[in-house]
N, C-alpha and C. Protein backbone atom coordinates (compact mmCIF):
# COMPACT_ATOMS: atom_id res chain seq x y z
N MET A 1 -0.85 -14.81 1.19
CA MET A 1 0.52 -14.81 0.71
C MET A 1 1.14 -16.19 0.91
N HIS A 2 2.06 -16.50 0.02
CA HIS A 2 2.75 -17.79 0.06
C HIS A 2 4.24 -17.55 0.17
N THR A 3 4.98 -18.55 0.61
CA THR A 3 6.43 -18.44 0.72
C THR A 3 7.09 -18.78 -0.60
N CYS A 4 7.97 -17.89 -1.04
CA CYS A 4 8.71 -18.10 -2.29
C CYS A 4 9.79 -19.15 -2.05
N PRO A 5 9.88 -20.17 -2.92
CA PRO A 5 10.91 -21.19 -2.75
C PRO A 5 12.32 -20.64 -2.98
N ARG A 6 12.45 -19.59 -3.79
CA ARG A 6 13.78 -19.09 -4.15
C ARG A 6 14.34 -18.09 -3.14
N CYS A 7 13.54 -17.12 -2.68
CA CYS A 7 14.08 -16.12 -1.74
C CYS A 7 13.50 -16.26 -0.33
N GLU A 8 12.54 -17.14 -0.17
CA GLU A 8 11.92 -17.47 1.11
C GLU A 8 11.19 -16.31 1.79
N THR A 9 10.81 -15.29 1.02
CA THR A 9 9.95 -14.25 1.60
C THR A 9 8.51 -14.74 1.51
N LYS A 10 7.67 -14.15 2.29
CA LYS A 10 6.26 -14.53 2.29
C LYS A 10 5.47 -13.51 1.48
N GLN A 11 5.96 -13.24 0.26
CA GLN A 11 5.34 -12.22 -0.57
C GLN A 11 4.99 -12.74 -1.96
N ALA A 12 4.63 -14.00 -2.04
CA ALA A 12 4.21 -14.58 -3.32
C ALA A 12 2.69 -14.68 -3.34
N ASN A 13 2.14 -14.43 -4.51
CA ASN A 13 0.69 -14.45 -4.67
C ASN A 13 0.29 -15.32 -5.85
N VAL A 14 -0.92 -15.80 -5.83
CA VAL A 14 -1.47 -16.54 -6.96
C VAL A 14 -1.77 -15.52 -8.06
N VAL A 15 -1.23 -15.78 -9.27
CA VAL A 15 -1.48 -14.87 -10.39
C VAL A 15 -2.33 -15.52 -11.49
N SER A 16 -2.48 -16.83 -11.42
CA SER A 16 -3.31 -17.53 -12.41
C SER A 16 -3.72 -18.88 -11.85
N LYS A 17 -4.86 -19.37 -12.36
CA LYS A 17 -5.35 -20.69 -11.96
C LYS A 17 -5.70 -21.49 -13.20
N SER A 18 -5.60 -22.78 -13.09
CA SER A 18 -5.94 -23.67 -14.19
C SER A 18 -7.42 -23.53 -14.55
N PRO A 19 -7.73 -23.66 -15.84
CA PRO A 19 -9.15 -23.66 -16.21
C PRO A 19 -9.88 -24.89 -15.66
N VAL A 20 -9.11 -25.93 -15.34
CA VAL A 20 -9.67 -27.11 -14.69
C VAL A 20 -9.51 -26.90 -13.18
N GLU A 21 -10.59 -26.75 -12.48
CA GLU A 21 -10.56 -26.44 -11.05
C GLU A 21 -9.61 -27.34 -10.28
N GLY A 22 -8.64 -26.71 -9.58
CA GLY A 22 -7.73 -27.44 -8.70
C GLY A 22 -6.56 -28.12 -9.37
N ALA A 23 -6.42 -28.02 -10.70
CA ALA A 23 -5.32 -28.71 -11.39
C ALA A 23 -3.97 -28.08 -11.06
N TRP A 24 -3.89 -26.75 -11.07
CA TRP A 24 -2.66 -26.04 -10.73
C TRP A 24 -2.94 -24.56 -10.52
N LYS A 25 -1.99 -23.89 -9.87
CA LYS A 25 -1.99 -22.44 -9.70
C LYS A 25 -0.60 -21.95 -10.07
N ILE A 26 -0.52 -20.72 -10.53
CA ILE A 26 0.77 -20.10 -10.80
C ILE A 26 0.98 -19.00 -9.77
N TYR A 27 2.17 -19.02 -9.16
CA TYR A 27 2.53 -18.05 -8.14
C TYR A 27 3.61 -17.12 -8.68
N LEU A 28 3.63 -15.89 -8.17
CA LEU A 28 4.65 -14.91 -8.51
C LEU A 28 5.14 -14.26 -7.22
N CYS A 29 6.45 -14.25 -7.05
CA CYS A 29 7.05 -13.60 -5.88
C CYS A 29 7.23 -12.12 -6.19
N ASP A 30 6.70 -11.27 -5.31
CA ASP A 30 6.82 -9.82 -5.48
C ASP A 30 8.23 -9.31 -5.23
N VAL A 31 9.07 -10.11 -4.59
CA VAL A 31 10.43 -9.67 -4.26
C VAL A 31 11.42 -10.04 -5.35
N CYS A 32 11.53 -11.32 -5.68
CA CYS A 32 12.55 -11.77 -6.64
C CYS A 32 11.98 -12.11 -8.02
N LEU A 33 10.67 -11.96 -8.17
CA LEU A 33 9.96 -12.18 -9.45
C LEU A 33 10.01 -13.63 -9.94
N PHE A 34 10.30 -14.56 -9.05
CA PHE A 34 10.28 -15.97 -9.40
C PHE A 34 8.83 -16.41 -9.59
N THR A 35 8.58 -17.20 -10.62
CA THR A 35 7.24 -17.76 -10.82
C THR A 35 7.34 -19.28 -10.83
N TRP A 36 6.30 -19.92 -10.33
CA TRP A 36 6.26 -21.38 -10.34
C TRP A 36 4.82 -21.85 -10.33
N ARG A 37 4.66 -23.06 -10.80
CA ARG A 37 3.34 -23.68 -10.85
C ARG A 37 3.24 -24.68 -9.70
N SER A 38 2.10 -24.74 -9.09
CA SER A 38 1.90 -25.62 -7.94
C SER A 38 2.08 -27.09 -8.29
N SER A 39 1.96 -27.45 -9.55
CA SER A 39 2.08 -28.85 -9.97
C SER A 39 3.53 -29.27 -10.24
N GLU A 40 4.49 -28.36 -10.07
CA GLU A 40 5.90 -28.71 -10.28
C GLU A 40 6.41 -29.55 -9.12
N PRO A 41 7.57 -30.23 -9.29
CA PRO A 41 8.10 -31.07 -8.21
C PRO A 41 8.50 -30.24 -6.99
N GLU A 42 8.61 -30.90 -5.86
CA GLU A 42 8.94 -30.23 -4.60
C GLU A 42 10.28 -29.51 -4.64
N THR A 43 11.18 -29.92 -5.52
CA THR A 43 12.46 -29.21 -5.63
C THR A 43 12.27 -27.80 -6.19
N ILE A 44 11.10 -27.53 -6.73
CA ILE A 44 10.77 -26.19 -7.21
C ILE A 44 9.80 -25.49 -6.28
N THR A 45 8.86 -26.21 -5.71
CA THR A 45 7.79 -25.59 -4.93
C THR A 45 8.05 -25.48 -3.43
N ASN A 46 8.93 -26.29 -2.90
CA ASN A 46 9.18 -26.34 -1.46
C ASN A 46 10.47 -25.59 -1.13
N PRO A 47 10.41 -24.50 -0.36
CA PRO A 47 11.62 -23.74 -0.03
C PRO A 47 12.72 -24.58 0.63
N GLU A 48 12.34 -25.60 1.38
CA GLU A 48 13.34 -26.44 2.05
C GLU A 48 14.06 -27.36 1.06
N LYS A 49 13.45 -27.64 -0.08
CA LYS A 49 14.04 -28.55 -1.05
C LYS A 49 14.55 -27.85 -2.31
N TYR A 50 14.31 -26.54 -2.39
CA TYR A 50 14.78 -25.76 -3.54
C TYR A 50 16.31 -25.76 -3.52
N PRO A 51 16.97 -25.99 -4.67
CA PRO A 51 18.44 -26.11 -4.70
C PRO A 51 19.16 -24.85 -4.19
N GLY A 52 20.04 -25.04 -3.22
CA GLY A 52 20.78 -23.95 -2.60
C GLY A 52 21.52 -23.03 -3.57
N PRO A 53 22.19 -23.57 -4.58
CA PRO A 53 22.92 -22.69 -5.50
C PRO A 53 22.02 -21.70 -6.25
N PHE A 54 20.73 -21.96 -6.30
CA PHE A 54 19.81 -21.09 -7.02
C PHE A 54 19.00 -20.18 -6.09
N LYS A 55 19.25 -20.26 -4.80
CA LYS A 55 18.56 -19.40 -3.84
C LYS A 55 19.01 -17.95 -4.04
N VAL A 56 18.14 -17.03 -3.67
CA VAL A 56 18.42 -15.60 -3.80
C VAL A 56 18.20 -14.96 -2.43
N ASN A 57 19.15 -14.11 -2.03
CA ASN A 57 18.99 -13.35 -0.80
C ASN A 57 18.12 -12.14 -1.13
N PRO A 58 16.97 -11.98 -0.47
CA PRO A 58 16.08 -10.87 -0.78
C PRO A 58 16.76 -9.50 -0.70
N LYS A 59 17.77 -9.37 0.16
CA LYS A 59 18.49 -8.10 0.30
C LYS A 59 19.31 -7.78 -0.95
N ASP A 60 19.68 -8.80 -1.72
CA ASP A 60 20.51 -8.61 -2.91
C ASP A 60 19.70 -8.27 -4.15
N VAL A 61 18.40 -8.45 -4.11
CA VAL A 61 17.58 -8.25 -5.30
C VAL A 61 17.67 -6.82 -5.81
N SER A 62 17.62 -5.85 -4.92
CA SER A 62 17.68 -4.46 -5.37
C SER A 62 19.04 -4.09 -5.95
N LEU A 63 20.07 -4.88 -5.65
CA LEU A 63 21.41 -4.63 -6.18
C LEU A 63 21.60 -5.23 -7.57
N ALA A 64 20.71 -6.08 -7.97
CA ALA A 64 20.81 -6.75 -9.27
C ALA A 64 20.20 -5.86 -10.34
N THR A 65 20.91 -4.82 -10.69
CA THR A 65 20.36 -3.83 -11.62
C THR A 65 20.65 -4.15 -13.08
N HIS A 66 21.59 -5.04 -13.35
CA HIS A 66 21.91 -5.37 -14.74
C HIS A 66 20.92 -6.40 -15.28
N VAL A 67 20.22 -6.01 -16.29
CA VAL A 67 19.29 -6.92 -16.96
C VAL A 67 19.82 -7.13 -18.37
N PRO A 68 20.08 -8.37 -18.77
CA PRO A 68 20.61 -8.61 -20.11
C PRO A 68 19.65 -8.09 -21.18
N PRO A 69 20.20 -7.49 -22.23
CA PRO A 69 19.32 -6.97 -23.27
C PRO A 69 18.66 -8.09 -24.07
N VAL A 70 17.50 -7.81 -24.58
CA VAL A 70 16.80 -8.75 -25.44
C VAL A 70 17.44 -8.62 -26.83
N PRO A 71 17.91 -9.72 -27.40
CA PRO A 71 18.56 -9.61 -28.72
C PRO A 71 17.55 -9.19 -29.80
N PRO A 72 18.04 -8.48 -30.82
CA PRO A 72 17.13 -8.07 -31.89
C PRO A 72 16.59 -9.29 -32.64
N ARG A 73 15.38 -9.16 -33.12
CA ARG A 73 14.78 -10.23 -33.93
C ARG A 73 15.42 -10.22 -35.31
N SER A 74 15.67 -11.39 -35.82
CA SER A 74 16.26 -11.42 -37.17
C SER A 74 15.25 -11.79 -38.22
């Protein structure tokens, strides 16, 4: 398990790897559903450097029940 940069839980897992060995990995947080690639800048991958205004409290995730609808295709 890895630490999620957005909610700081230790419940993120590798969900995909680059076809080129070691180029990048994609992680998915099981709590807040944030995804990120290991090759992104530290402001995205490092919990200590992730922007504060975009942080999520793991306790609030279950309260976020409103999901915007997907607009119809035209």
